[in-house]
Every structure is written in structure tokens, then in C-alpha cells.
PDB file of N, CA and C in Angstrom:
ATOM      1  N   MET A   1      55.721  25.634   5.953  1.00  0.00           N
ATOM      2  CA  MET A   1      55.039  24.923   5.404  1.00  0.00           C
ATOM      3  C   MET A   1      55.766  25.666   4.516  1.00  0.00           C
ATOM      4  N   LYS A   2      56.144  24.944   3.090  1.00  0.00           N
ATOM      5  CA  LYS A   2      57.434  25.515   1.851  1.00  0.00           C
ATOM      6  C   LYS A   2      56.492  25.247   0.515  1.00  0.00           C
ATOM      7  N   THR A   3      56.566  25.900   0.109  1.00  0.00           N
ATOM      8  CA  THR A   3      55.655  26.556  -1.215  1.00  0.00           C
ATOM      9  C   THR A   3      55.146  26.043  -1.973  1.00  0.00           C
ATOM     10  N   LYS A   4      55.971  24.792  -2.211  1.00  0.00           N
ATOM     11  CA  LYS A   4      55.893  23.623  -2.881  1.00  0.00           C
ATOM     12  C   LYS A   4      54.150  23.296  -2.404  1.00  0.00           C
ATOM     13  N   ASN A   5      53.762  22.690  -0.909  1.00  0.00           N
ATOM     14  CA  ASN A   5      53.358  21.729  -0.065  1.00  0.00           C
ATOM     15  C   ASN A   5      52.010  22.706  -0.342  1.00  0.00           C
ATOM     16  N   LEU A   6      52.072  24.413   0.058  1.00  0.00           N
ATOM     17  CA  LEU A   6      51.331  25.032   0.451  1.00  0.00           C
ATOM     18  C   LEU A   6      50.750  24.984  -1.190  1.00  0.00           C
ATOM     19  N   LEU A   7      51.470  25.253  -2.400  1.00  0.00           N
ATOM     20  CA  LEU A   7      50.306  25.546  -3.693  1.00  0.00           C
ATOM     21  C   LEU A   7      49.851  24.347  -4.250  1.00  0.00           C
ATOM     22  N   SER A   8      50.426  22.585  -3.916  1.00  0.00           N
ATOM     23  CA  SER A   8      49.829  21.790  -3.331  1.00  0.00           C
ATOM     24  C   SER A   8      48.140  21.535  -2.778  1.00  0.00           C
ATOM     25  N   ARG A   9      48.336  22.790  -0.789  1.00  0.00           N
ATOM     26  CA  ARG A   9      46.574  22.311  -1.330  1.00  0.00           C
ATOM     27  C   ARG A   9      45.872  23.677  -1.598  1.00  0.00           C
ATOM     28  N   LEU A  10      46.432  24.256  -2.164  1.00  0.00           N
ATOM     29  CA  LEU A  10      46.117  25.707  -2.807  1.00  0.00           C
ATOM     30  C   LEU A  10      44.777  24.614  -3.894  1.00  0.00           C
ATOM     31  N   THR A  11      46.470  24.135  -4.949  1.00  0.00           N
ATOM     32  CA  THR A  11      45.721  23.516  -6.175  1.00  0.00           C
ATOM     33  C   THR A  11      44.248  21.961  -5.594  1.00  0.00           C
ATOM     34  N   ARG A  12      44.894  22.062  -4.618  1.00  0.00           N
ATOM     35  CA  ARG A  12      43.491  20.862  -4.356  1.00  0.00           C
ATOM     36  C   ARG A  12      41.990  21.529  -3.181  1.00  0.00           C
ATOM     37  N   PHE A  13      42.106  22.524  -2.919  1.00  0.00           N
ATOM     38  CA  PHE A  13      41.264  23.521  -2.912  1.00  0.00           C
ATOM     39  C   PHE A  13      40.616  23.832  -3.712  1.00  0.00           C
ATOM     40  N   LEU A  14      40.731  24.489  -5.109  1.00  0.00           N
ATOM     41  CA  LEU A  14      39.596  24.770  -6.650  1.00  0.00           C
ATOM     42  C   LEU A  14      40.447  23.874  -7.248  1.00  0.00           C
ATOM     43  N   ASP A  15      40.648  22.571  -7.145  1.00  0.00           N
ATOM     44  CA  ASP A  15      39.535  21.223  -7.784  1.00  0.00           C
ATOM     45  C   ASP A  15      38.821  20.770  -6.440  1.00  0.00           C
ATOM     46  N   ALA A  16      38.472  20.689  -5.450  1.00  0.00           N
ATOM     47  CA  ALA A  16      37.605  20.505  -5.055  1.00  0.00           C
ATOM     48  C   ALA A  16      36.264  21.085  -5.888  1.00  0.00           C
ATOM     49  N   ASP A  17      36.217  22.232  -6.302  1.00  0.00           N
ATOM     50  CA  ASP A  17      35.112  23.310  -6.579  1.00  0.00           C
ATOM     51  C   ASP A  17      35.084  22.580  -7.702  1.00  0.00           C
ATOM     52  N   ASN A  18      36.244  22.338  -8.313  1.00  0.00           N
ATOM     53  CA  ASN A  18      35.638  22.281  -9.899  1.00  0.00           C
ATOM     54  C   ASN A  18      35.146  20.566 -10.032  1.00  0.00           C
ATOM     55  N   LYS A  19      35.840  20.580  -8.920  1.00  0.00           N
ATOM     56  CA  LYS A  19      35.126  18.440  -9.282  1.00  0.00           C
ATOM     57  C   LYS A  19      33.208  18.662  -8.459  1.00  0.00           C
ATOM     58  N   THR A  20      33.229  19.841  -7.931  1.00  0.00           N
ATOM     59  CA  THR A  20      31.722  20.347  -7.216  1.00  0.00           C
ATOM     60  C   THR A  20      30.501  20.105  -8.442  1.00  0.00           C
ATOM     61  N   GLN A  21      31.798  21.869  -9.314  1.00  0.00           N
ATOM     62  CA  GLN A  21      30.409  21.871 -10.262  1.00  0.00           C
ATOM     63  C   GLN A  21      30.563  20.669 -11.480  1.00  0.00           C
ATOM     64  N   LEU A  22      31.223  19.865 -11.612  1.00  0.00           N
ATOM     65  CA  LEU A  22      31.579  18.860 -12.451  1.00  0.00           C
ATOM     66  C   LEU A  22      30.033  17.816 -12.010  1.00  0.00           C
ATOM     67  N   LYS A  23      30.056  17.364 -10.828  1.00  0.00           N
ATOM     68  CA  LYS A  23      29.350  16.939 -10.183  1.00  0.00           C
ATOM     69  C   LYS A  23      28.049  17.473 -10.453  1.00  0.00           C
ATOM     70  N   GLU A  24      27.930  18.981  -9.956  1.00  0.00           N
ATOM     71  CA  GLU A  24      26.457  19.846 -10.266  1.00  0.00           C
ATOM     72  C   GLU A  24      25.730  18.811 -11.659  1.00  0.00           C
ATOM     73  N   ILE A  25      26.678  19.519 -12.710  1.00  0.00           N
ATOM     74  CA  ILE A  25      27.213  19.436 -14.050  1.00  0.00           C
ATOM     75  C   ILE A  25      26.393  17.868 -14.539  1.00  0.00           C
ATOM     76  N   LYS A  26      26.807  17.084 -14.154  1.00  0.00           N
ATOM     77  CA  LYS A  26      26.209  15.209 -14.054  1.00  0.00           C
ATOM     78  C   LYS A  26      24.887  15.150 -13.971  1.00  0.00           C
ATOM     79  N   SER A  27      24.360  15.821 -12.436  1.00  0.00           N
ATOM     80  CA  SER A  27      23.419  14.924 -11.440  1.00  0.00           C
ATOM     81  C   SER A  27      22.554  16.534 -12.714  1.00  0.00           C
ATOM     82  N   ILE A  28      23.332  17.174 -13.430  1.00  0.00           N
ATOM     83  CA  ILE A  28      21.718  17.647 -13.606  1.00  0.00           C
ATOM     84  C   ILE A  28      21.402  17.184 -14.997  1.00  0.00           C
ATOM     85  N   ARG A  29      21.991  16.675 -15.878  1.00  0.00           N
ATOM     86  CA  ARG A  29      22.206  16.412 -17.294  1.00  0.00           C
ATOM     87  C   ARG A  29      21.176  15.184 -17.252  1.00  0.00           C
ATOM     88  N   GLU A  30      21.452  14.334 -15.729  1.00  0.00           N
ATOM     89  CA  GLU A  30      21.014  12.965 -15.804  1.00  0.00           C
ATOM     90  C   GLU A  30      19.769  13.138 -15.473  1.00  0.00           C
ATOM     91  N   LEU A  31      19.545  14.911 -14.575  1.00  0.00           N
ATOM     92  CA  LEU A  31      18.326  14.315 -14.971  1.00  0.00           C
ATOM     93  C   LEU A  31      17.398  15.544 -15.545  1.00  0.00           C
ATOM     94  N   LEU A  32      18.809  15.861 -16.773  1.00  0.00           N
ATOM     95  CA  LEU A  32      17.538  17.030 -17.987  1.00  0.00           C
ATOM     96  C   LEU A  32      17.099  15.316 -19.535  1.00  0.00           C
ATOM     97  N   LYS A  33      17.365  14.384 -18.617  1.00  0.00           N
ATOM     98  CA  LYS A  33      17.271  12.795 -20.001  1.00  0.00           C
ATOM     99  C   LYS A  33      16.005  12.291 -19.768  1.00  0.00           C
ATOM    100  N   LYS A  34      16.429  12.063 -17.959  1.00  0.00           N
ATOM    101  CA  LYS A  34      15.566  11.588 -17.039  1.00  0.00           C
ATOM    102  C   LYS A  34      13.298  12.692 -18.035  1.00  0.00           C
ATOM    103  N   LEU A  35      14.081  13.672 -17.755  1.00  0.00           N
ATOM    104  CA  LEU A  35      12.625  14.834 -18.129  1.00  0.00           C
ATOM    105  C   LEU A  35      12.329  14.696 -20.039  1.00  0.00           C
ATOM    106  N   LYS A  36      13.590  15.022 -20.321  1.00  0.00           N
ATOM    107  CA  LYS A  36      13.159  14.854 -22.014  1.00  0.00           C
ATOM    108  C   LYS A  36      12.443  14.018 -22.421  1.00  0.00           C
ATOM    109  N   GLN A  37      12.660  12.292 -21.453  1.00  0.00           N
ATOM    110  CA  GLN A  37      12.074  10.939 -21.490  1.00  0.00           C
ATOM    111  C   GLN A  37       9.892  10.972 -21.100  1.00  0.00           C
ATOM    112  N   LYS A  38      10.873  11.195 -20.345  1.00  0.00           N
ATOM    113  CA  LYS A  38       9.261  12.288 -20.061  1.00  0.00           C
ATOM    114  C   LYS A  38       8.352  12.364 -20.940  1.00  0.00           C
ATOM    115  N   GLU A  39       9.367  14.441 -21.320  1.00  0.00           N
ATOM    116  CA  GLU A  39       8.107  14.548 -22.248  1.00  0.00           C
ATOM    117  C   GLU A  39       8.141  13.790 -23.948  1.00  0.00           C
ATOM    118  N   ARG A  40       8.735  13.214 -23.547  1.00  0.00           N
ATOM    119  CA  ARG A  40       8.446  12.307 -25.208  1.00  0.00           C
ATOM    120  C   ARG A  40       8.010  10.691 -25.173  1.00  0.00           C
ATOM    121  N   ASP A  41       7.318  10.495 -23.725  1.00  0.00           N
ATOM    122  CA  ASP A  41       6.596   9.467 -23.514  1.00  0.00           C
ATOM    123  C   ASP A  41       4.839   9.848 -23.446  1.00  0.00           C
ATOM    124  N   LEU A  42       5.106  11.570 -22.785  1.00  0.00           N
ATOM    125  CA  LEU A  42       3.822  11.881 -22.670  1.00  0.00           C
ATOM    126  C   LEU A  42       3.241  13.115 -23.996  1.00  0.00           C
ATOM    127  N   LYS A  43       4.162  13.674 -24.727  1.00  0.00           N
ATOM    128  CA  LYS A  43       3.185  13.683 -25.935  1.00  0.00           C
ATOM    129  C   LYS A  43       2.536  12.864 -26.683  1.00  0.00           C
ATOM    130  N   GLU A  44       3.754  11.356 -26.602  1.00  0.00           N
ATOM    131  CA  GLU A  44       3.244   9.939 -27.970  1.00  0.00           C
ATOM    132  C   GLU A  44       1.670   9.431 -26.442  1.00  0.00           C
ATOM    133  N   LYS A  45       1.808  10.279 -25.441  1.00  0.00           N
ATOM    134  CA  LYS A  45       0.664   9.712 -25.362  1.00  0.00           C
ATOM    135  C   LYS A  45      -0.557  10.799 -25.180  1.00  0.00           C
ATOM    136  N   LEU A  46      -0.147  11.631 -26.212  1.00  0.00           N
ATOM    137  CA  LEU A  46      -1.314  13.068 -26.125  1.00  0.00           C
ATOM    138  C   LEU A  46      -1.201  12.536 -27.672  1.00  0.00           C
ATOM    139  N   GLU A  47       0.003  11.873 -28.437  1.00  0.00           N
ATOM    140  CA  GLU A  47      -0.742  12.279 -29.742  1.00  0.00           C
ATOM    141  C   GLU A  47      -1.565  11.217 -30.267  1.00  0.00           C
ATOM    142  N   LYS A  48      -1.953  10.206 -29.578  1.00  0.00           N
ATOM    143  CA  LYS A  48      -2.133   9.035 -29.618  1.00  0.00           C
ATOM    144  C   LYS A  48      -3.053   9.238 -29.266  1.00  0.00           C
ATOM    145  N   ARG A  49      -3.985   9.800 -29.161  1.00  0.00           N
ATOM    146  CA  ARG A  49      -5.475   9.952 -28.222  1.00  0.00           C
ATOM    147  C   ARG A  49      -5.569  11.085 -27.658  1.00  0.00           C
ATOM    148  N   PRO A  50      -5.686  12.716 -29.114  1.00  0.00           N
ATOM    149  CA  PRO A  50      -6.244  13.602 -27.969  1.00  0.00           C
ATOM    150  C   PRO A  50      -6.975  14.640 -27.509  1.00  0.00           C
ATOM    151  N   ASP A  51      -8.441  13.809 -27.748  1.00  0.00           N
ATOM    152  CA  ASP A  51      -9.589  13.934 -27.026  1.00  0.00           C
ATOM    153  C   ASP A  51      -9.427  13.721 -25.449  1.00  0.00           C
ATOM    154  N   ARG A  52      -8.909  12.983 -25.126  1.00  0.00           N
ATOM    155  CA  ARG A  52      -8.218  11.818 -23.788  1.00  0.00           C
ATOM    156  C   ARG A  52      -9.414  13.102 -22.871  1.00  0.00           C
ATOM    157  N   GLU A  53      -9.288  12.608 -21.288  1.00  0.00           N
ATOM    158  CA  GLU A  53     -10.039  13.009 -20.421  1.00  0.00           C
ATOM    159  C   GLU A  53      -9.487  13.902 -19.907  1.00  0.00           C
ATOM    160  N   ASP A  54      -7.698  13.693 -20.057  1.00  0.00           N
ATOM    161  CA  ASP A  54      -7.732  14.496 -18.521  1.00  0.00           C
ATOM    162  C   ASP A  54      -5.844  14.705 -20.003  1.00  0.00           C
ATOM    163  N   ALA A  55      -6.346  14.533 -21.013  1.00  0.00           N
ATOM    164  CA  ALA A  55      -5.836  15.956 -21.632  1.00  0.00           C
ATOM    165  C   ALA A  55      -4.535  17.540 -21.517  1.00  0.00           C
ATOM    166  N   ASP A  56      -5.753  18.129 -20.718  1.00  0.00           N
ATOM    167  CA  ASP A  56      -4.797  20.024 -20.324  1.00  0.00           C
ATOM    168  C   ASP A  56      -4.449  19.128 -19.360  1.00  0.00           C
ATOM    169  N   ASP A  57      -4.364  18.361 -18.799  1.00  0.00           N
ATOM    170  CA  ASP A  57      -3.394  18.153 -17.056  1.00  0.00           C
ATOM    171  C   ASP A  57      -2.192  17.329 -17.977  1.00  0.00           C
ATOM    172  N   ILE A  58      -2.274  15.984 -18.758  1.00  0.00           N
ATOM    173  CA  ILE A  58      -0.677  16.686 -19.788  1.00  0.00           C
ATOM    174  C   ILE A  58      -0.408  16.956 -19.920  1.00  0.00           C
ATOM    175  N   ARG A  59      -1.496  18.454 -20.439  1.00  0.00           N
ATOM    176  CA  ARG A  59      -0.696  20.069 -21.473  1.00  0.00           C
ATOM    177  C   ARG A  59       0.399  20.578 -20.448  1.00  0.00           C
ATOM    178  N   ILE A  60      -0.438  20.072 -19.097  1.00  0.00           N
ATOM    179  CA  ILE A  60       0.558  21.410 -18.237  1.00  0.00           C
ATOM    180  C   ILE A  60       1.251  20.573 -17.981  1.00  0.00           C
ATOM    181  N   LYS A  61       1.430  19.866 -18.008  1.00  0.00           N
ATOM    182  CA  LYS A  61       2.854  18.621 -17.210  1.00  0.00           C
ATOM    183  C   LYS A  61       4.354  18.505 -18.054  1.00  0.00           C
ATOM    184  N   LEU A  62       3.628  19.121 -19.532  1.00  0.00           N
ATOM    185  CA  LEU A  62       4.364  19.166 -20.388  1.00  0.00           C
ATOM    186  C   LEU A  62       4.847  20.679 -20.268  1.00  0.00           C
ATOM    187  N   ASP A  63       4.718  21.801 -20.525  1.00  0.00           N
ATOM    188  CA  ASP A  63       4.532  22.907 -20.183  1.00  0.00           C
ATOM    189  C   ASP A  63       5.442  22.627 -18.609  1.00  0.00           C
ATOM    190  N   VAL A  64       5.463  22.274 -17.806  1.00  0.00           N
ATOM    191  CA  VAL A  64       6.014  22.397 -16.819  1.00  0.00           C
ATOM    192  C   VAL A  64       7.584  21.545 -17.309  1.00  0.00           C
ATOM    193  N   ILE A  65       7.649  20.021 -17.092  1.00  0.00           N
ATOM    194  CA  ILE A  65       8.999  19.677 -18.109  1.00  0.00           C
ATOM    195  C   ILE A  65       9.768  20.469 -18.510  1.00  0.00           C
ATOM    196  N   TYR A  66       9.261  21.388 -19.703  1.00  0.00           N
ATOM    197  CA  TYR A  66       9.355  22.233 -20.303  1.00  0.00           C
ATOM    198  C   TYR A  66      10.777  22.744 -19.399  1.00  0.00           C
ATOM    199  N   ALA A  67       9.540  23.592 -18.660  1.00  0.00           N
ATOM    200  CA  ALA A  67      10.697  25.307 -17.944  1.00  0.00           C
ATOM    201  C   ALA A  67      11.383  23.553 -16.918  1.00  0.00           C
ATOM    202  N   GLN A  68      10.818  23.547 -16.316  1.00  0.00           N
ATOM    203  CA  GLN A  68      12.361  23.168 -16.080  1.00  0.00           C
ATOM    204  C   GLN A  68      13.404  22.648 -17.132  1.00  0.00           C
ATOM    205  N   ARG A  69      13.726  21.742 -17.953  1.00  0.00           N
ATOM    206  CA  ARG A  69      14.144  21.795 -18.519  1.00  0.00           C
ATOM    207  C   ARG A  69      14.959  22.221 -19.146  1.00  0.00           C
ATOM    208  N   MET A  70      14.413  23.620 -19.689  1.00  0.00           N
ATOM    209  CA  MET A  70      14.981  25.258 -19.506  1.00  0.00           C
ATOM    210  C   MET A  70      15.855  25.609 -18.887  1.00  0.00           C
ATOM    211  N   LYS A  71      15.851  25.490 -17.051  1.00  0.00           N
ATOM    212  CA  LYS A  71      15.795  25.868 -16.187  1.00  0.00           C
ATOM    213  C   LYS A  71      17.776  24.776 -16.016  1.00  0.00           C
ATOM    214  N   GLY A  72      17.148  23.951 -15.763  1.00  0.00           N
ATOM    215  CA  GLY A  72      19.063  22.903 -15.612  1.00  0.00           C
ATOM    216  C   GLY A  72      19.341  23.059 -17.482  1.00  0.00           C
ATOM    217  N   LEU A  73      19.380  23.183 -18.211  1.00  0.00           N
ATOM    218  CA  LEU A  73      20.296  23.752 -19.513  1.00  0.00           C
ATOM    219  C   LEU A  73      20.941  24.914 -18.729  1.00  0.00           C
ATOM    220  N   ASP A  74      19.647  25.741 -18.344  1.00  0.00           N
ATOM    221  CA  ASP A  74      21.052  27.523 -18.390  1.00  0.00           C
ATOM    222  C   ASP A  74      21.976  26.764 -16.697  1.00  0.00           C
ATOM    223  N   ARG A  75      21.199  26.227 -16.272  1.00  0.00           N
ATOM    224  CA  ARG A  75      22.245  26.561 -14.797  1.00  0.00           C
ATOM    225  C   ARG A  75      24.236  25.117 -15.596  1.00  0.00           C
ATOM    226  N   VAL A  76      23.689  24.626 -16.491  1.00  0.00           N
ATOM    227  CA  VAL A  76      24.950  23.794 -17.305  1.00  0.00           C
ATOM    228  C   VAL A  76      25.351  24.651 -17.646  1.00  0.00           C
ATOM    229  N   ARG A  77      24.690  25.994 -18.511  1.00  0.00           N
ATOM    230  CA  ARG A  77      25.528  26.887 -19.821  1.00  0.00           C
ATOM    231  C   ARG A  77      26.135  27.719 -18.440  1.00  0.00           C
ATOM    232  N   GLN A  78      25.354  28.028 -17.882  1.00  0.00           N
ATOM    233  CA  GLN A  78      25.904  29.304 -16.680  1.00  0.00           C
ATOM    234  C   GLN A  78      27.917  28.504 -15.582  1.00  0.00           C
ATOM    235  N   ILE A  79      27.380  26.745 -14.884  1.00  0.00           N
ATOM    236  CA  ILE A  79      28.295  26.212 -14.830  1.00  0.00           C
ATOM    237  C   ILE A  79      29.611  26.409 -15.654  1.00  0.00           C
ATOM    238  N   LYS A  80      29.442  26.205 -16.860  1.00  0.00           N
ATOM    239  CA  LYS A  80      30.502  25.953 -17.314  1.00  0.00           C
ATOM    240  C   LYS A  80      31.421  27.832 -18.333  1.00  0.00           C
ATOM    241  N   GLN A  81      30.209  28.913 -18.189  1.00  0.00           N
ATOM    242  CA  GLN A  81      30.633  30.011 -18.381  1.00  0.00           C
ATOM    243  C   GLN A  81      31.389  30.447 -17.053  1.00  0.00           C
ATOM    244  N   GLU A  82      31.083  30.521 -16.228  1.00  0.00           N
ATOM    245  CA  GLU A  82      31.945  30.198 -14.441  1.00  0.00           C
ATOM    246  C   GLU A  82      33.519  29.914 -14.399  1.00  0.00           C
ATOM    247  N   ARG A  83      32.727  28.766 -15.162  1.00  0.00           N
ATOM    248  CA  ARG A  83      34.760  27.733 -15.634  1.00  0.00           C
ATOM    249  C   ARG A  83      35.463  28.313 -16.043  1.00  0.00           C
ATOM    250  N   ALA A  84      34.834  28.403 -17.300  1.00  0.00           N
ATOM    251  CA  ALA A  84      35.673  29.344 -18.142  1.00  0.00           C
ATOM    252  C   ALA A  84      36.631  30.679 -18.298  1.00  0.00           C
ATOM    253  N   ALA A  85      35.451  31.770 -17.725  1.00  0.00           N
ATOM    254  CA  ALA A  85      36.469  32.794 -16.843  1.00  0.00           C
ATOM    255  C   ALA A  85      36.973  32.514 -16.013  1.00  0.00           C
ATOM    256  N   LYS A  86      36.928  31.522 -14.536  1.00  0.00           N
ATOM    257  CA  LYS A  86      38.133  30.401 -14.296  1.00  0.00           C
ATOM    258  C   LYS A  86      39.475  30.815 -14.757  1.00  0.00           C
ATOM    259  N   ALA A  87      38.565  29.323 -15.771  1.00  0.00           N
ATOM    260  CA  ALA A  87      39.966  29.231 -16.121  1.00  0.00           C
ATOM    261  C   ALA A  87      40.888  30.899 -17.050  1.00  0.00           C
ATOM    262  N   LYS A  88      40.689  31.525 -17.403  1.00  0.00           N
ATOM    263  CA  LYS A  88      41.391  32.630 -18.553  1.00  0.00           C
ATOM    264  C   LYS A  88      41.600  33.409 -17.662  1.00  0.00           C
ATOM    265  N   ALA A  89      41.318  33.748 -16.448  1.00  0.00           N
ATOM    266  CA  ALA A  89      41.998  34.659 -14.894  1.00  0.00           C
ATOM    267  C   ALA A  89      42.837  33.922 -14.557  1.00  0.00           C
ATOM    268  N   SER A  90      43.013  32.734 -14.571  1.00  0.00           N
ATOM    269  CA  SER A  90      43.823  31.826 -14.439  1.00  0.00           C
ATOM    270  C   SER A  90      44.623  32.398 -14.290  1.00  0.00           C
ATOM    271  N   GLU A  91      44.874  32.577 -16.109  1.00  0.00           N
ATOM    272  CA  GLU A  91      46.266  31.723 -17.016  1.00  0.00           C
ATOM    273  C   GLU A  91      46.802  33.496 -16.858  1.00  0.00           C
TER     274      GLU A  91
END
């Protein structure tokens, strides 16, 4: 194979990883938006009636949602840092 062909195959291979990361970021962001909306709904429900019987359950759900959102944000940051490091190394 010629060099040009090999380089194009390598580029496609490396871009596939890049596309996978972009898809992962996109899907995580969509989930983060949904979790944020769920968190707002639960907070609103709790603020309207703080003396609810299930107030403790709602608070637990809010804590879990918050923790999951932070994990998602950390993952997005990690992917972005990896991409930046990879781009810097290829320069």
C-alpha cells in the first residue's frame, strides 16, 4: 500500500475513537439535562409541601441525582482533557 492510503486508513481509525468520544459526551449531556430537570421537579415538589410523608425519600432521591450528575460532569471533563492531551501530543 502506498503511504497516502495508509495515512488515510490511520486517520479514519483515529477519528473513529474521536467520534466515539463525541457520541459519549453527547449522550452524557442529554442524560445530565434530564437529571437536572428531574432534580428541579423534585425540589419544587418538596418546596411546595415540605411536611410530606415522603419528604425523606425525595431528599434521598435528590442526593442520588446530584451525585450522578457530578459523576457525569466529571466524565465529560475527563474525556475533554484526554482529547486535549491527545491533540497536543499529535502537534
